[in-house]
């Protein structure tokens, strides 16, 4: 099965679609850059205008990270939406 990933930045995640995505065979496109560490509050913030797409031979999915508690427990929260 072929799997490809894409990152779409600086776009409202509700409006992002595969038309603006450049797909890659490297799954490392989904890295750790969806969050940044705020030194003032010592917490992670999630990039609000960033989403990823993952597609295989049959389906495409949009992934939007929404929260993390950082390294405390490793908990990551995200939404997955199947694309038509």
Protein backbone atom coordinates (compact mmCIF):
# COMPACT_ATOMS: atom_id res chain seq x y z
CA UNK A 1 0.00 0.00 0.00
CA UNK A 2 1.31 3.44 -0.92
CA UNK A 3 1.16 6.09 1.81
CA UNK A 4 1.90 9.77 1.29
CA UNK A 5 1.73 12.78 3.61
CA UNK A 6 1.41 16.53 3.16
CA UNK A 7 1.56 19.60 5.38
CA UNK A 8 -0.59 22.69 4.84
CA UNK A 9 0.43 25.80 6.80
CA UNK A 10 -0.96 29.29 7.24
CA UNK A 11 -4.46 28.21 6.27
CA UNK A 12 -7.60 27.92 8.36
CA UNK A 13 -7.69 24.20 9.06
CA UNK A 14 -11.43 24.11 8.29
CA UNK A 15 -10.70 25.41 4.79
CA UNK A 16 -7.53 23.47 4.04
CA UNK A 17 -7.90 20.83 1.37
CA UNK A 18 -5.76 18.55 -0.74
CA UNK A 19 -5.75 20.99 -3.67
CA UNK A 20 -3.16 23.10 -1.81
CA UNK A 21 -1.19 20.12 -0.50
CA UNK A 22 2.11 18.83 -1.86
CA UNK A 23 2.33 15.14 -1.03
CA UNK A 24 5.52 13.30 -0.16
CA UNK A 25 6.34 9.64 0.28
CA UNK A 26 8.17 10.55 3.51
CA UNK A 27 5.95 10.10 6.56
CA UNK A 28 8.31 12.33 8.56
CA UNK A 29 6.43 15.31 7.09
CA UNK A 30 4.34 14.92 10.23
CA UNK A 31 6.94 15.90 12.76
CA UNK A 32 7.01 17.85 15.98
CA UNK A 33 6.61 21.30 14.40
CA UNK A 34 2.84 21.34 15.07
CA UNK A 35 3.64 22.63 18.57
CA UNK A 36 6.00 25.18 20.10
CA UNK A 37 7.21 25.64 23.66
CA UNK A 38 6.25 28.94 25.33
CA UNK A 39 9.09 29.86 27.68
CA UNK A 40 6.91 32.43 29.47
CA UNK A 41 4.26 29.97 30.57
CA UNK A 42 6.36 26.81 30.29
CA UNK A 43 3.63 25.15 28.25
CA UNK A 44 3.26 23.96 24.68
CA UNK A 45 1.01 25.77 22.23
CA UNK A 46 -0.42 24.11 19.15
CA UNK A 47 0.00 25.80 15.77
CA UNK A 48 -3.55 26.96 14.94
CA UNK A 49 -3.23 27.16 11.15
CA UNK A 50 -1.52 23.87 10.42
CA UNK A 51 -2.88 20.53 9.29
CA UNK A 52 -1.62 17.39 7.67
CA UNK A 53 -3.02 15.04 5.08
CA UNK A 54 -2.33 11.32 4.88
CA UNK A 55 -3.42 9.36 1.87
CA UNK A 56 -3.14 5.78 0.75
CA UNK A 57 -4.42 4.02 -2.34
CA UNK A 58 -8.00 4.22 -1.10
CA UNK A 59 -8.53 7.17 1.27
CA UNK A 60 -7.27 10.58 2.31
CA UNK A 61 -7.45 11.92 5.87
CA UNK A 62 -6.94 15.38 7.34
CA UNK A 63 -5.19 15.49 10.73
CA UNK A 64 -5.34 18.57 12.95
CA UNK A 65 -3.47 18.58 16.25
CA UNK A 66 -5.46 20.38 18.94
CA UNK A 67 -3.64 19.90 22.26
CA UNK A 68 -0.74 18.35 24.11
CA UNK A 69 0.49 18.35 27.65
CA UNK A 70 4.04 18.11 26.41
CA UNK A 71 6.39 15.67 27.99
CA UNK A 72 4.43 15.28 31.24
CA UNK A 73 2.49 12.28 29.96
CA UNK A 74 3.06 12.43 26.21
CA UNK A 75 -0.66 12.98 25.66
CA UNK A 76 -1.49 14.33 22.21
CA UNK A 77 -4.99 15.30 21.07
CA UNK A 78 -5.93 15.53 17.39
CA UNK A 79 -8.89 15.33 15.03
CA UNK A 80 -8.97 13.02 12.03
CA UNK A 81 -11.40 13.67 9.20
CA UNK A 82 -11.85 11.48 6.16
CA UNK A 83 -11.80 13.53 2.97
CA UNK A 84 -14.25 13.00 0.11
